[in-house]
Protein backbone atom coordinates (compact mmCIF):
# COMPACT_ATOMS: atom_id res chain seq x y z
CA MET A 1 129.48 285.63 129.19
CA PRO A 2 126.91 282.84 130.48
CA ALA A 3 129.15 280.67 132.38
CA SER A 4 132.73 281.12 134.56
CA ALA A 5 135.29 280.84 132.25
CA LYS A 6 138.40 278.68 133.59
CA SER A 7 141.56 281.01 134.23
CA SER A 8 143.68 277.78 132.91
CA ALA A 9 141.46 276.75 130.25
CA LYS A 10 142.97 277.83 126.47
CA PRO A 11 141.20 280.26 124.74
CA ALA A 12 138.66 278.21 121.54
CA SER A 13 140.78 278.45 118.15
CA GLN A 14 139.24 279.81 115.09
CA ARG A 15 137.45 276.63 113.95
CA GLN A 16 135.95 276.34 117.17
CA LEU A 17 134.76 280.07 116.65
CA ARG A 18 133.05 279.46 113.77
CA VAL A 19 131.58 275.56 114.31
CA ALA A 20 129.85 277.41 117.65
CA GLU A 21 128.35 280.60 115.43
CA GLU A 22 127.16 278.13 113.24
CA ILE A 23 125.95 276.06 115.35
CA ARG A 24 124.10 278.99 117.18
CA HIS A 25 122.65 279.93 113.18
CA VAL A 26 121.05 276.01 112.97
CA LEU A 27 119.43 276.00 116.97
CA ALA A 28 117.87 279.52 116.09
CA GLY A 29 116.67 278.79 112.85
CA VAL A 30 115.44 275.30 114.67
CA PHE A 31 113.72 277.21 116.95
CA LEU A 32 112.33 280.30 115.02
CA ARG A 33 110.96 278.34 112.68
CA GLY A 34 108.87 275.94 114.89
CA GLU A 35 110.02 273.04 114.37
CA ILE A 36 110.60 270.73 117.37
CA ARG A 37 107.22 269.31 118.17
CA ASP A 38 107.83 269.23 121.45
CA PRO A 39 104.11 270.35 123.45
CA ALA A 40 106.72 272.12 126.06
CA LEU A 41 108.24 273.86 123.39
CA THR A 42 105.29 274.89 121.13
CA GLY A 43 104.73 278.91 120.52
CA ILE A 44 107.59 278.85 123.17
CA LEU A 45 110.57 281.75 121.35
CA ILE A 46 113.81 280.56 122.47
CA THR A 47 116.94 282.90 121.75
CA VAL A 48 120.22 280.93 121.41
CA THR A 49 123.14 283.34 123.18
CA GLU A 50 126.47 281.53 122.75
CA VAL A 51 126.94 278.14 122.43
CA ARG A 52 131.01 276.59 122.61
CA VAL A 53 131.92 273.75 121.28
CA SER A 54 135.08 271.31 122.87
CA PRO A 55 138.04 271.36 121.18
CA ASP A 56 137.45 268.17 119.06
CA LEU A 57 133.71 269.37 117.94
CA LYS A 58 132.20 266.41 119.74
CA HIS A 59 130.67 268.21 122.11
CA ALA A 60 127.83 271.71 121.68
CA THR A 61 126.68 273.72 124.91
CA ALA A 62 123.98 275.74 124.43
CA PHE A 63 123.18 278.58 126.41
CA VAL A 64 119.36 279.94 126.44
CA THR A 65 117.34 282.34 127.59
CA ARG A 66 113.79 283.57 126.66
CA LEU A 67 114.17 287.27 126.03
CA GLY A 68 112.30 289.37 128.77
CA ARG A 69 111.31 285.81 130.83
CA SER A 70 113.08 284.13 133.27
CA ASP A 71 111.11 280.44 133.26
CA VAL A 72 114.16 279.20 130.33
CA ALA A 73 115.11 276.62 133.34
CA ASP A 74 111.68 275.32 133.25
CA LYS A 75 112.20 274.20 129.44
CA LEU A 76 115.40 272.75 129.74
CA PRO A 77 114.19 269.46 130.78
CA ALA A 78 112.39 269.17 127.12
CA LEU A 79 115.48 270.99 125.27
CA ARG A 80 117.30 268.02 126.70
CA HIS A 81 114.59 265.66 125.03
CA ALA A 82 114.69 267.50 121.97
CA ALA A 83 118.51 266.99 121.67
CA PRO A 84 118.36 264.09 119.26
CA PHE A 85 116.56 265.63 116.54
CA LEU A 86 117.85 269.12 117.04
CA ARG A 87 121.68 267.08 116.53
CA ARG A 88 119.56 265.49 113.10
CA GLU A 89 119.44 268.73 112.26
CA LEU A 90 122.94 269.67 112.73
CA ALA A 91 124.38 266.92 111.20
CA ARG A 92 121.98 268.15 108.19
CA GLU A 93 122.76 271.40 107.70
CA LEU A 94 126.93 271.28 109.18
CA ARG A 95 129.84 270.21 106.57
CA LEU A 96 131.72 268.79 109.67
CA ARG A 97 132.52 264.73 109.77
CA TYR A 98 130.65 263.95 113.49
CA ALA A 99 127.34 266.11 114.63
CA PRO A 100 127.99 267.56 117.92
CA GLN A 101 126.50 266.44 120.97
CA VAL A 102 124.38 269.45 122.11
CA THR A 103 123.42 270.42 126.28
CA PHE A 104 121.80 273.05 127.33
CA GLN A 105 121.82 275.70 129.91
CA ALA A 106 120.20 278.90 131.16
CA ASP A 107 121.41 281.76 130.57
CA THR A 108 121.73 283.93 133.23
CA SER A 109 123.85 286.81 131.95
CA ILE A 110 121.01 288.46 130.86
CA ASP A 111 119.41 289.03 133.97
CA TYR A 112 122.79 289.88 135.92
CA ALA A 113 122.86 292.26 133.45
CA MET A 114 119.35 293.92 134.39
CA HIS A 115 119.78 293.55 138.06
CA ILE A 116 122.86 295.59 137.49
CA SER A 117 121.13 298.53 135.20
CA GLN A 118 118.53 298.36 137.88
CA VAL A 119 121.39 299.14 140.82
CA LEU A 120 123.12 301.38 138.59
CA HIS A 121 119.47 303.51 137.94
CA SER A 122 118.47 303.17 141.51
CA ASP A 123 117.72 306.26 143.78
CA ALA A 124 121.00 305.53 146.54
CA VAL A 125 123.30 305.20 144.02
CA LYS A 126 121.64 308.79 141.92
CA ARG A 127 122.21 310.72 145.23
CA ASP A 128 126.14 309.02 145.67
CA LEU A 129 126.93 310.82 141.92
CA GLU A 130 124.98 314.11 142.62
């Protein structure tokens, strides 16, 4: 999971999960088509790994990464600047009463998984397994 989940938090409802996946799909399409005209985001491929939606469906947090690159945190201000445009796109594409307010966070789970993989394939671990 990209962010630590609170142990006392209720699990997401089926509707939250469905809406989150639809939001992820719309955002991924916008990024893939390069529809954002911000110079800081031009020509940059951003991957939306997960979206979490609040129970009232008015707020969404999108976890983003750039595969093979670790500089997605540098792009977060540009993504925040593009959030109103992305909200309009969500309102246009989704059949919801309110378009959710979207915030962005860097997804570090892929970097963490790559680090664990490197550790597991290190010579010290191989020696201990033999």
